[in-house]
Amino acid sequence: MAYISVRGFNHYYEWITASEIPEPSGKPVMVFVHGWGGSARYWESTARAIADTFDCLLYDLRGFGRSSQQGQTPDLLLPLKSGTAEDLSYELTSYAEDLAGLLDGLGLQRIYLNTHSMGASVAVYFLNRFAERVERAILTCYGIFEYDEKAFNAFYRFGGYVVKFRPRWLYGLPMMDRLFMKRFLYRPLSRDISRAFLEDFLLADYDAALGTIFTCVSKEAAEIMPQEFARIAIPTLMISGDRDIIIPAELGQRAASLNDRITFVSIPNTAHFPMLEDPSTYLQHLRKFLNPTVSAASNPALHT
């Protein structure tokens, strides 16, 4: 396991490369950012599929996966938190600062970015604050929504209940993983992947899980995100699943319509995880978008 202190908080990260050596080889670097309640684990298959062209950096967001207090293993020598980590907020801009700090800590100057759901919302802020650090970006299953006070308040109540009541024994119940993932999928995933999703959700820090619910789905986000999408100056691909009920495809299409730098595609018969439900189609769109600018040759300009 590899950890790095970013802004006083230990973040888990890993490299996936064609040589299987856990360090960058000199190829262009693609950084993957996961969504709410998850971890970088679900990006592994996508990263391995493009490791012929990219050195892939996966990491777990602060408070989630292996970057959570509950996710720490007892044999880790470093404390989870140090310095000013206690002062960090759960605002999306704060997570964008985390990403910048991670790149600084690993000596990465310019990257490609592939993100999903809440990770895509973090990416939008990152693109507009650190544009010089990104070559191209992919936003998967994200978009803009309109504020509805009644619906938002109901969502907060439900989300608070779900985050608060997460007994660990749920992980041991037969078929609980399939039941947990049912709302997110149109096509079922393997049991190993579904169980990993459930485990990540159960291990997420309470404060991070609840705090990001309030910052991702808020009146402020509904008002600000259209402006943020309109400001993006980096060539960006938005990918939605046409059966997604978490973030419907029309929300992604609405965001893409605000900016001619954004290309929108919808993958048929997939929901909130098109990269896992139909990986071949997802990779086809990915490569088509990236091929004009990417060479498998070494590109030292991507590193400091």
C-alpha atoms as a PDB file:
ATOM      1  CA  MET A   1       0.000   0.000   0.000  1.00  0.00           C
ATOM      2  CA  ALA A   2       1.262   3.479  -0.878  1.00  0.00           C
ATOM      3  CA  TYR A   3       0.241   6.595   1.034  1.00  0.00           C
ATOM      4  CA  ILE A   4       1.197  10.228   0.657  1.00  0.00           C
ATOM      5  CA  SER A   5       0.387  13.124   2.971  1.00  0.00           C
ATOM      6  CA  VAL A   6      -1.603  15.755   1.090  1.00  0.00           C
ATOM      7  CA  ARG A   7      -2.520  18.885   3.025  1.00  0.00           C
ATOM      8  CA  GLY A   8      -1.950  16.983   6.262  1.00  0.00           C
ATOM      9  CA  PHE A   9      -4.114  13.973   5.349  1.00  0.00           C
ATOM     10  CA  ASN A  10      -2.816  10.574   4.255  1.00  0.00           C
ATOM     11  CA  HIS A  11      -4.106   9.652   0.795  1.00  0.00           C
ATOM     12  CA  TYR A  12      -3.920   6.177  -0.673  1.00  0.00           C
ATOM     13  CA  TYR A  13      -2.636   6.007  -4.252  1.00  0.00           C
ATOM     14  CA  GLU A  14      -1.346   3.444  -6.729  1.00  0.00           C
ATOM     15  CA  TRP A  15       0.171   3.308 -10.205  1.00  0.00           C
ATOM     16  CA  ILE A  16      -1.094   0.961 -12.900  1.00  0.00           C
ATOM     17  CA  THR A  17       1.350   0.637 -15.780  1.00  0.00           C
ATOM     18  CA  ALA A  18       1.902  -1.704 -18.710  1.00  0.00           C
ATOM     19  CA  SER A  19       5.054  -3.090 -17.066  1.00  0.00           C
ATOM     20  CA  GLU A  20       3.151  -3.642 -13.800  1.00  0.00           C
ATOM     21  CA  ILE A  21       5.901  -1.737 -12.021  1.00  0.00           C
ATOM     22  CA  PRO A  22       4.130   0.568  -9.510  1.00  0.00           C
ATOM     23  CA  GLU A  23       5.745   3.796 -10.671  1.00  0.00           C
ATOM     24  CA  PRO A  24       5.451   6.008 -13.769  1.00  0.00           C
ATOM     25  CA  SER A  25       7.387   4.892 -16.848  1.00  0.00           C
ATOM     26  CA  GLY A  26       7.432   8.212 -18.712  1.00  0.00           C
ATOM     27  CA  LYS A  27       4.202   7.820 -20.657  1.00  0.00           C
ATOM     28  CA  PRO A  28       1.489  10.470 -20.441  1.00  0.00           C
ATOM     29  CA  VAL A  29      -0.207  10.285 -17.052  1.00  0.00           C
ATOM     30  CA  MET A  30      -3.929   9.793 -16.586  1.00  0.00           C
ATOM     31  CA  VAL A  31      -5.350  10.437 -13.120  1.00  0.00           C
ATOM     32  CA  PHE A  32      -8.624   8.755 -12.136  1.00  0.00           C
ATOM     33  CA  VAL A  33     -11.050  10.228  -9.595  1.00  0.00           C
ATOM     34  CA  HIS A  34     -13.853   8.092  -8.144  1.00  0.00           C
ATOM     35  CA  GLY A  35     -17.342   9.034  -7.013  1.00  0.00           C
ATOM     36  CA  TRP A  36     -19.208   9.336  -3.711  1.00  0.00           C
ATOM     37  CA  GLY A  37     -18.981   6.396  -1.328  1.00  0.00           C
ATOM     38  CA  GLY A  38     -16.533   4.524  -3.539  1.00  0.00           C
ATOM     39  CA  SER A  39     -12.819   4.165  -4.058  1.00  0.00           C
ATOM     40  CA  ALA A  40     -10.323   3.931  -6.881  1.00  0.00           C
ATOM     41  CA  ARG A  41     -10.826   0.169  -6.957  1.00  0.00           C
ATOM     42  CA  TYR A  42     -13.600   0.376  -9.556  1.00  0.00           C
ATOM     43  CA  TRP A  43     -11.305   2.227 -11.967  1.00  0.00           C
ATOM     44  CA  GLU A  44      -8.714  -0.560 -12.063  1.00  0.00           C
ATOM     45  CA  SER A  45     -10.092  -2.401 -15.103  1.00  0.00           C
ATOM     46  CA  THR A  46     -10.315   0.828 -17.147  1.00  0.00           C
ATOM     47  CA  ALA A  47      -6.785   1.791 -16.139  1.00  0.00           C
ATOM     48  CA  ARG A  48      -5.374  -1.608 -17.109  1.00  0.00           C
ATOM     49  CA  ALA A  49      -7.110  -1.393 -20.495  1.00  0.00           C
ATOM     50  CA  ILE A  50      -5.335   1.866 -21.390  1.00  0.00           C
ATOM     51  CA  ALA A  51      -1.999   1.191 -19.688  1.00  0.00           C
ATOM     52  CA  ASP A  52      -0.481   0.588 -23.136  1.00  0.00           C
ATOM     53  CA  THR A  53      -0.799   4.346 -23.703  1.00  0.00           C
ATOM     54  CA  PHE A  54      -0.897   5.882 -20.215  1.00  0.00           C
ATOM     55  CA  ASP A  55       0.706   5.552 -16.830  1.00  0.00           C
ATOM     56  CA  CYS A  56      -2.444   5.493 -14.702  1.00  0.00           C
ATOM     57  CA  LEU A  57      -2.608   7.077 -11.257  1.00  0.00           C
ATOM     58  CA  LEU A  58      -5.488   6.000  -9.022  1.00  0.00           C
ATOM     59  CA  TYR A  59      -6.168   7.471  -5.591  1.00  0.00           C
ATOM     60  CA  ASP A  60      -8.883   7.483  -2.948  1.00  0.00           C
ATOM     61  CA  LEU A  61     -10.513  10.803  -2.099  1.00  0.00           C
ATOM     62  CA  ARG A  62     -10.090  12.150   1.423  1.00  0.00           C
ATOM     63  CA  GLY A  63     -12.449  10.295   3.756  1.00  0.00           C
ATOM     64  CA  PHE A  64     -13.228   7.471   1.324  1.00  0.00           C
ATOM     65  CA  GLY A  65     -11.837   4.039   0.529  1.00  0.00           C
ATOM     66  CA  ARG A  66      -8.339   3.526   1.858  1.00  0.00           C
ATOM     67  CA  SER A  67      -8.000   7.259   2.539  1.00  0.00           C
ATOM     68  CA  SER A  68     -10.567   7.031   5.324  1.00  0.00           C
ATOM     69  CA  GLN A  69      -9.990   6.608   9.035  1.00  0.00           C
ATOM     70  CA  GLN A  70     -12.090   3.489   9.106  1.00  0.00           C
ATOM     71  CA  GLY A  71     -10.323   2.116   6.049  1.00  0.00           C
ATOM     72  CA  GLN A  72      -6.852   2.304   7.606  1.00  0.00           C
ATOM     73  CA  THR A  73      -5.172  -0.987   8.376  1.00  0.00           C
ATOM     74  CA  PRO A  74      -3.665  -1.346  11.871  1.00  0.00           C
ATOM     75  CA  ASP A  75      -0.135  -1.984  10.566  1.00  0.00           C
ATOM     76  CA  LEU A  76       0.212   1.461   8.945  1.00  0.00           C
ATOM     77  CA  LEU A  77       3.071   3.357  10.508  1.00  0.00           C
ATOM     78  CA  LEU A  78       1.898   6.863   9.620  1.00  0.00           C
ATOM     79  CA  PRO A  79      -1.012   8.543  11.380  1.00  0.00           C
ATOM     80  CA  LEU A  80      -4.030   9.111   9.191  1.00  0.00           C
ATOM     81  CA  LYS A  81      -4.132  12.812   9.936  1.00  0.00           C
ATOM     82  CA  SER A  82      -1.458  15.323  10.784  1.00  0.00           C
ATOM     83  CA  GLY A  83      -0.792  19.035  10.513  1.00  0.00           C
ATOM     84  CA  THR A  84      -3.851  21.070   9.553  1.00  0.00           C
ATOM     85  CA  ALA A  85      -5.976  18.229   8.182  1.00  0.00           C
ATOM     86  CA  GLU A  86      -8.607  18.868  10.837  1.00  0.00           C
ATOM     87  CA  ASP A  87      -9.285  22.242   9.199  1.00  0.00           C
ATOM     88  CA  LEU A  88     -10.056  20.840   5.731  1.00  0.00           C
ATOM     89  CA  SER A  89     -13.647  21.180   4.558  1.00  0.00           C
ATOM     90  CA  TYR A  90     -15.830  18.925   2.445  1.00  0.00           C
ATOM     91  CA  GLU A  91     -16.414  21.583  -0.189  1.00  0.00           C
ATOM     92  CA  LEU A  92     -15.739  20.415  -3.731  1.00  0.00           C
ATOM     93  CA  THR A  93     -13.159  23.165  -4.153  1.00  0.00           C
ATOM     94  CA  SER A  94     -11.286  21.714  -1.184  1.00  0.00           C
ATOM     95  CA  TYR A  95     -11.129  18.324  -2.900  1.00  0.00           C
ATOM     96  CA  ALA A  96      -9.835  20.062  -6.037  1.00  0.00           C
ATOM     97  CA  GLU A  97      -7.056  21.520  -3.878  1.00  0.00           C
ATOM     98  CA  ASP A  98      -6.354  18.004  -2.603  1.00  0.00           C
ATOM     99  CA  LEU A  99      -5.851  16.843  -6.182  1.00  0.00           C
ATOM    100  CA  ALA A 100      -3.438  19.686  -6.884  1.00  0.00           C
ATOM    101  CA  GLY A 101      -1.544  18.791  -3.720  1.00  0.00           C
ATOM    102  CA  LEU A 102      -1.373  15.145  -4.763  1.00  0.00           C
ATOM    103  CA  LEU A 103       0.124  16.085  -8.133  1.00  0.00           C
ATOM    104  CA  ASP A 104       2.646  18.363  -6.424  1.00  0.00           C
ATOM    105  CA  GLY A 105       3.599  15.634  -3.981  1.00  0.00           C
ATOM    106  CA  LEU A 106       4.183  13.122  -6.777  1.00  0.00           C
ATOM    107  CA  GLY A 107       5.995  15.603  -9.024  1.00  0.00           C
ATOM    108  CA  LEU A 108       3.374  15.625 -11.778  1.00  0.00           C
ATOM    109  CA  GLN A 109       2.944  18.846 -13.723  1.00  0.00           C
ATOM    110  CA  ARG A 110       0.518  18.049 -16.576  1.00  0.00           C
ATOM    111  CA  ILE A 111      -1.984  15.207 -16.755  1.00  0.00           C
ATOM    112  CA  TYR A 112      -5.035  13.721 -18.407  1.00  0.00           C
ATOM    113  CA  LEU A 113      -8.031  13.403 -16.078  1.00  0.00           C
ATOM    114  CA  ASN A 114     -10.748  10.741 -15.981  1.00  0.00           C
ATOM    115  CA  THR A 115     -13.458  11.227 -13.375  1.00  0.00           C
ATOM    116  CA  HIS A 116     -16.826   9.881 -12.281  1.00  0.00           C
ATOM    117  CA  SER A 117     -19.933  11.241 -10.527  1.00  0.00           C
ATOM    118  CA  MET A 118     -18.833  13.248  -7.455  1.00  0.00           C
ATOM    119  CA  GLY A 119     -15.269  12.966  -8.767  1.00  0.00           C
ATOM    120  CA  ALA A 120     -16.420  14.717 -11.937  1.00  0.00           C
ATOM    121  CA  SER A 121     -17.815  17.598  -9.906  1.00  0.00           C
ATOM    122  CA  VAL A 122     -14.424  17.928  -8.209  1.00  0.00           C
ATOM    123  CA  ALA A 123     -12.819  17.832 -11.652  1.00  0.00           C
ATOM    124  CA  VAL A 124     -14.909  20.739 -12.972  1.00  0.00           C
ATOM    125  CA  TYR A 125     -13.535  22.973 -10.219  1.00  0.00           C
ATOM    126  CA  PHE A 126     -10.037  21.623 -10.806  1.00  0.00           C
ATOM    127  CA  LEU A 127     -10.230  22.331 -14.550  1.00  0.00           C
ATOM    128  CA  ASN A 128     -11.140  25.950 -13.947  1.00  0.00           C
ATOM    129  CA  ARG A 129      -8.537  26.565 -11.257  1.00  0.00           C
ATOM    130  CA  PHE A 130      -5.639  24.522 -12.590  1.00  0.00           C
ATOM    131  CA  ALA A 131      -6.283  24.524 -16.341  1.00  0.00           C
ATOM    132  CA  GLU A 132      -2.575  24.633 -17.127  1.00  0.00           C
ATOM    133  CA  ARG A 133      -2.173  21.200 -15.525  1.00  0.00           C
ATOM    134  CA  VAL A 134      -4.695  19.295 -17.669  1.00  0.00           C
ATOM    135  CA  GLU A 135      -4.348  18.190 -21.285  1.00  0.00           C
ATOM    136  CA  ARG A 136      -7.818  16.657 -21.699  1.00  0.00           C
ATOM    137  CA  ALA A 137     -10.566  15.556 -19.319  1.00  0.00           C
ATOM    138  CA  ILE A 138     -13.328  12.956 -19.178  1.00  0.00           C
ATOM    139  CA  LEU A 139     -16.380  13.493 -16.966  1.00  0.00           C
ATOM    140  CA  THR A 140     -18.431  10.327 -16.553  1.00  0.00           C
ATOM    141  CA  CYS A 141     -22.019  10.383 -15.283  1.00  0.00           C
ATOM    142  CA  TYR A 142     -22.317  13.997 -14.255  1.00  0.00           C
ATOM    143  CA  GLY A 143     -24.303  17.083 -15.234  1.00  0.00           C
ATOM    144  CA  ILE A 144     -26.157  20.121 -13.971  1.00  0.00           C
ATOM    145  CA  PHE A 145     -29.470  20.125 -12.146  1.00  0.00           C
ATOM    146  CA  GLU A 146     -32.047  22.660 -11.075  1.00  0.00           C
ATOM    147  CA  TYR A 147     -32.647  23.503  -7.435  1.00  0.00           C
ATOM    148  CA  ASP A 148     -35.819  22.109  -5.887  1.00  0.00           C
ATOM    149  CA  GLU A 149     -36.013  22.889  -2.166  1.00  0.00           C
ATOM    150  CA  LYS A 150     -38.522  20.183  -1.310  1.00  0.00           C
ATOM    151  CA  ALA A 151     -36.699  17.476  -3.263  1.00  0.00           C
ATOM    152  CA  PHE A 152     -33.312  18.521  -1.910  1.00  0.00           C
ATOM    153  CA  ASN A 153     -34.511  18.469   1.705  1.00  0.00           C
ATOM    154  CA  ALA A 154     -35.962  14.999   1.192  1.00  0.00           C
ATOM    155  CA  PHE A 155     -32.666  13.889  -0.314  1.00  0.00           C
ATOM    156  CA  TYR A 156     -30.749  15.242   2.693  1.00  0.00           C
ATOM    157  CA  ARG A 157     -32.991  13.384   5.136  1.00  0.00           C
ATOM    158  CA  PHE A 158     -32.672  10.145   3.236  1.00  0.00           C
ATOM    159  CA  GLY A 159     -28.927  10.595   2.690  1.00  0.00           C
ATOM    160  CA  GLY A 160     -28.365  11.344   6.364  1.00  0.00           C
ATOM    161  CA  TYR A 161     -30.211   8.189   7.353  1.00  0.00           C
ATOM    162  CA  VAL A 162     -28.260   6.045   4.890  1.00  0.00           C
ATOM    163  CA  VAL A 163     -24.899   7.425   6.042  1.00  0.00           C
ATOM    164  CA  LYS A 164     -25.716   7.115   9.741  1.00  0.00           C
ATOM    165  CA  PHE A 165     -27.003   3.562   9.710  1.00  0.00           C
ATOM    166  CA  ARG A 166     -24.273   1.454   8.086  1.00  0.00           C
ATOM    167  CA  PRO A 167     -23.719  -1.558  10.357  1.00  0.00           C
ATOM    168  CA  ARG A 168     -20.720  -3.622   9.281  1.00  0.00           C
ATOM    169  CA  TRP A 169     -22.733  -6.824   9.473  1.00  0.00           C
ATOM    170  CA  LEU A 170     -24.503  -5.801   6.257  1.00  0.00           C
ATOM    171  CA  TYR A 171     -21.387  -6.922   4.396  1.00  0.00           C
ATOM    172  CA  GLY A 172     -21.974 -10.507   5.533  1.00  0.00           C
ATOM    173  CA  LEU A 173     -25.577 -10.774   4.402  1.00  0.00           C
ATOM    174  CA  PRO A 174     -26.153 -12.901   1.280  1.00  0.00           C
ATOM    175  CA  MET A 175     -26.974 -10.864  -1.830  1.00  0.00           C
ATOM    176  CA  MET A 176     -26.712  -7.561   0.066  1.00  0.00           C
ATOM    177  CA  ASP A 177     -24.081  -6.351  -2.413  1.00  0.00           C
ATOM    178  CA  ARG A 178     -26.435  -6.961  -5.356  1.00  0.00           C
ATOM    179  CA  LEU A 179     -29.271  -5.224  -3.546  1.00  0.00           C
ATOM    180  CA  PHE A 180     -27.011  -2.273  -2.699  1.00  0.00           C
ATOM    181  CA  MET A 181     -25.871  -1.837  -6.320  1.00  0.00           C
ATOM    182  CA  LYS A 182     -29.242  -2.394  -7.979  1.00  0.00           C
ATOM    183  CA  ARG A 183     -30.177   1.303  -8.085  1.00  0.00           C
ATOM    184  CA  PHE A 184     -26.867   2.205  -9.758  1.00  0.00           C
ATOM    185  CA  LEU A 185     -26.866  -0.388 -12.530  1.00  0.00           C
ATOM    186  CA  TYR A 186     -28.742  -1.490 -15.619  1.00  0.00           C
ATOM    187  CA  ARG A 187     -26.435  -4.449 -16.232  1.00  0.00           C
ATOM    188  CA  PRO A 188     -25.271  -6.536 -13.242  1.00  0.00           C
ATOM    189  CA  LEU A 189     -21.603  -6.667 -12.281  1.00  0.00           C
ATOM    190  CA  SER A 190     -19.574  -9.550 -10.911  1.00  0.00           C
ATOM    191  CA  ARG A 191     -20.012 -10.392  -7.232  1.00  0.00           C
ATOM    192  CA  ASP A 192     -16.436  -9.358  -6.425  1.00  0.00           C
ATOM    193  CA  ILE A 193     -16.979  -5.866  -7.834  1.00  0.00           C
ATOM    194  CA  SER A 194     -20.359  -5.444  -6.130  1.00  0.00           C
ATOM    195  CA  ARG A 195     -18.929  -6.538  -2.782  1.00  0.00           C
ATOM    196  CA  ALA A 196     -16.053  -4.072  -3.151  1.00  0.00           C
ATOM    197  CA  PHE A 197     -18.584  -1.262  -3.677  1.00  0.00           C
ATOM    198  CA  LEU A 198     -20.501  -2.266  -0.556  1.00  0.00           C
ATOM    199  CA  GLU A 199     -17.331  -2.512   1.507  1.00  0.00           C
ATOM    200  CA  ASP A 200     -16.160   0.947   0.414  1.00  0.00           C
ATOM    201  CA  PHE A 201     -19.530   2.445   1.305  1.00  0.00           C
ATOM    202  CA  LEU A 202     -19.503   0.878   4.764  1.00  0.00           C
ATOM    203  CA  LEU A 203     -15.951   2.120   5.460  1.00  0.00           C
ATOM    204  CA  ALA A 204     -16.376   5.735   4.325  1.00  0.00           C
ATOM    205  CA  ASP A 205     -15.847   8.330   7.060  1.00  0.00           C
ATOM    206  CA  TYR A 206     -19.162   9.607   8.421  1.00  0.00           C
ATOM    207  CA  ASP A 207     -18.207  13.290   8.188  1.00  0.00           C
ATOM    208  CA  ALA A 208     -16.852  12.971   4.644  1.00  0.00           C
ATOM    209  CA  ALA A 209     -19.806  10.936   3.391  1.00  0.00           C
ATOM    210  CA  LEU A 210     -22.386  13.304   4.878  1.00  0.00           C
ATOM    211  CA  GLY A 211     -20.442  16.503   4.175  1.00  0.00           C
ATOM    212  CA  THR A 212     -20.056  15.765   0.488  1.00  0.00           C
ATOM    213  CA  ILE A 213     -23.763  15.000   0.138  1.00  0.00           C
ATOM    214  CA  PHE A 214     -24.506  18.552   1.234  1.00  0.00           C
ATOM    215  CA  THR A 215     -21.897  20.115  -1.038  1.00  0.00           C
ATOM    216  CA  CYS A 216     -22.600  18.038  -4.158  1.00  0.00           C
ATOM    217  CA  VAL A 217     -26.366  18.444  -4.055  1.00  0.00           C
ATOM    218  CA  SER A 218     -27.067  21.976  -2.898  1.00  0.00           C
ATOM    219  CA  LYS A 219     -28.650  25.246  -3.952  1.00  0.00           C
ATOM    220  CA  GLU A 220     -25.176  26.726  -4.304  1.00  0.00           C
ATOM    221  CA  ALA A 221     -24.033  23.898  -6.587  1.00  0.00           C
ATOM    222  CA  ALA A 222     -27.164  24.225  -8.730  1.00  0.00           C
ATOM    223  CA  GLU A 223     -26.455  27.927  -9.181  1.00  0.00           C
ATOM    224  CA  ILE A 224     -22.678  27.788  -9.619  1.00  0.00           C
ATOM    225  CA  MET A 225     -22.090  24.656 -11.692  1.00  0.00           C
ATOM    226  CA  PRO A 226     -23.607  26.007 -14.947  1.00  0.00           C
ATOM    227  CA  GLN A 227     -21.138  28.893 -14.740  1.00  0.00           C
ATOM    228  CA  GLU A 228     -18.288  26.474 -14.030  1.00  0.00           C
ATOM    229  CA  PHE A 229     -19.186  24.318 -17.028  1.00  0.00           C
ATOM    230  CA  ALA A 230     -19.350  27.378 -19.263  1.00  0.00           C
ATOM    231  CA  ARG A 231     -15.827  28.395 -18.168  1.00  0.00           C
ATOM    232  CA  ILE A 232     -14.087  25.098 -19.012  1.00  0.00           C
ATOM    233  CA  ALA A 233     -11.334  25.737 -21.543  1.00  0.00           C
ATOM    234  CA  ILE A 234      -9.923  22.194 -21.699  1.00  0.00           C
ATOM    235  CA  PRO A 235     -11.195  19.738 -24.350  1.00  0.00           C
ATOM    236  CA  THR A 236     -13.618  17.619 -22.333  1.00  0.00           C
ATOM    237  CA  LEU A 237     -15.631  14.476 -23.004  1.00  0.00           C
ATOM    238  CA  MET A 238     -18.850  13.858 -21.062  1.00  0.00           C
ATOM    239  CA  ILE A 239     -20.078  10.270 -20.970  1.00  0.00           C
ATOM    240  CA  SER A 240     -23.480   9.280 -19.582  1.00  0.00           C
ATOM    241  CA  GLY A 241     -25.399   6.034 -19.295  1.00  0.00           C
ATOM    242  CA  ASP A 242     -28.790   6.335 -20.983  1.00  0.00           C
ATOM    243  CA  ARG A 243     -30.449   4.309 -18.181  1.00  0.00           C
ATOM    244  CA  ASP A 244     -28.832   6.238 -15.321  1.00  0.00           C
ATOM    245  CA  ILE A 245     -31.395   7.264 -12.691  1.00  0.00           C
ATOM    246  CA  ILE A 246     -28.787   8.737 -10.304  1.00  0.00           C
ATOM    247  CA  ILE A 247     -27.619  11.429 -12.740  1.00  0.00           C
ATOM    248  CA  PRO A 248     -29.802  11.099 -15.861  1.00  0.00           C
ATOM    249  CA  ALA A 249     -28.131  11.533 -19.241  1.00  0.00           C
ATOM    250  CA  GLU A 250     -30.143  14.662 -20.023  1.00  0.00           C
ATOM    251  CA  LEU A 251     -28.346  16.437 -17.159  1.00  0.00           C
ATOM    252  CA  GLY A 252     -25.018  15.688 -18.806  1.00  0.00           C
ATOM    253  CA  GLN A 253     -26.306  16.799 -22.172  1.00  0.00           C
ATOM    254  CA  ARG A 254     -27.566  20.026 -20.612  1.00  0.00           C
ATOM    255  CA  ALA A 255     -24.107  20.736 -19.172  1.00  0.00           C
ATOM    256  CA  ALA A 256     -22.362  19.953 -22.463  1.00  0.00           C
ATOM    257  CA  SER A 257     -24.639  22.354 -24.330  1.00  0.00           C
ATOM    258  CA  LEU A 258     -23.158  25.254 -22.350  1.00  0.00           C
ATOM    259  CA  ASN A 259     -19.679  24.913 -23.807  1.00  0.00           C
ATOM    260  CA  ASP A 260     -18.404  24.017 -27.283  1.00  0.00           C
ATOM    261  CA  ARG A 261     -15.261  22.539 -25.700  1.00  0.00           C
ATOM    262  CA  ILE A 262     -17.377  19.718 -24.273  1.00  0.00           C
ATOM    263  CA  THR A 263     -18.340  16.665 -26.339  1.00  0.00           C
ATOM    264  CA  PHE A 264     -21.265  14.609 -25.057  1.00  0.00           C
ATOM    265  CA  VAL A 265     -21.965  10.896 -25.634  1.00  0.00           C
ATOM    266  CA  SER A 266     -24.527   8.565 -24.120  1.00  0.00           C
ATOM    267  CA  ILE A 267     -23.886   4.817 -23.908  1.00  0.00           C
ATOM    268  CA  PRO A 268     -27.021   2.698 -24.499  1.00  0.00           C
ATOM    269  CA  ASN A 269     -28.241   0.199 -21.930  1.00  0.00           C
ATOM    270  CA  THR A 270     -25.943   1.368 -19.143  1.00  0.00           C
ATOM    271  CA  ALA A 271     -26.661   3.269 -15.958  1.00  0.00           C
ATOM    272  CA  HIS A 272     -24.336   4.942 -13.436  1.00  0.00           C
ATOM    273  CA  PHE A 273     -21.245   2.835 -14.180  1.00  0.00           C
ATOM    274  CA  PRO A 274     -20.941   2.609 -17.983  1.00  0.00           C
ATOM    275  CA  MET A 275     -17.186   1.936 -17.717  1.00  0.00           C
ATOM    276  CA  LEU A 276     -18.056  -1.344 -15.980  1.00  0.00           C
ATOM    277  CA  GLU A 277     -21.403  -2.186 -17.554  1.00  0.00           C
ATOM    278  CA  ASP A 278     -20.174  -1.814 -21.151  1.00  0.00           C
ATOM    279  CA  PRO A 279     -16.386  -1.411 -20.981  1.00  0.00           C
ATOM    280  CA  SER A 280     -15.742  -1.980 -24.696  1.00  0.00           C
ATOM    281  CA  THR A 281     -18.037   0.894 -25.767  1.00  0.00           C
ATOM    282  CA  TYR A 282     -16.723   3.127 -23.004  1.00  0.00           C
ATOM    283  CA  LEU A 283     -13.117   2.491 -24.078  1.00  0.00           C
ATOM    284  CA  GLN A 284     -14.020   3.081 -27.717  1.00  0.00           C
ATOM    285  CA  HIS A 285     -15.275   6.577 -26.893  1.00  0.00           C
ATOM    286  CA  LEU A 286     -12.290   7.185 -24.629  1.00  0.00           C
ATOM    287  CA  ARG A 287      -9.712   6.276 -27.253  1.00  0.00           C
ATOM    288  CA  LYS A 288     -11.477   8.221 -30.002  1.00  0.00           C
ATOM    289  CA  PHE A 289     -11.403  11.336 -27.818  1.00  0.00           C
ATOM    290  CA  LEU A 290      -7.792  10.903 -26.710  1.00  0.00           C
ATOM    291  CA  ASN A 291      -6.064   9.559 -29.812  1.00  0.00           C
ATOM    292  CA  PRO A 292      -5.627  12.913 -31.599  1.00  0.00           C
ATOM    293  CA  THR A 293      -3.259  14.146 -28.899  1.00  0.00           C
ATOM    294  CA  VAL A 294      -1.787  11.066 -27.232  1.00  0.00           C
ATOM    295  CA  SER A 295       1.308   9.142 -28.240  1.00  0.00           C
ATOM    296  CA  ALA A 296       2.495   6.009 -26.504  1.00  0.00           C
ATOM    297  CA  ALA A 297       5.997   7.441 -26.631  1.00  0.00           C
ATOM    298  CA  SER A 298       7.670   8.942 -23.571  1.00  0.00           C
ATOM    299  CA  ASN A 299       6.535  12.475 -22.789  1.00  0.00           C
ATOM    300  CA  PRO A 300       8.797  14.048 -20.164  1.00  0.00           C
ATOM    301  CA  ALA A 301       6.863  17.324 -20.345  1.00  0.00           C
ATOM    302  CA  LEU A 302       4.197  15.727 -18.177  1.00  0.00           C
ATOM    303  CA  HIS A 303       6.547  15.597 -15.196  1.00  0.00           C
ATOM    304  CA  THR A 304       8.222  18.277 -13.183  1.00  0.00           C
END
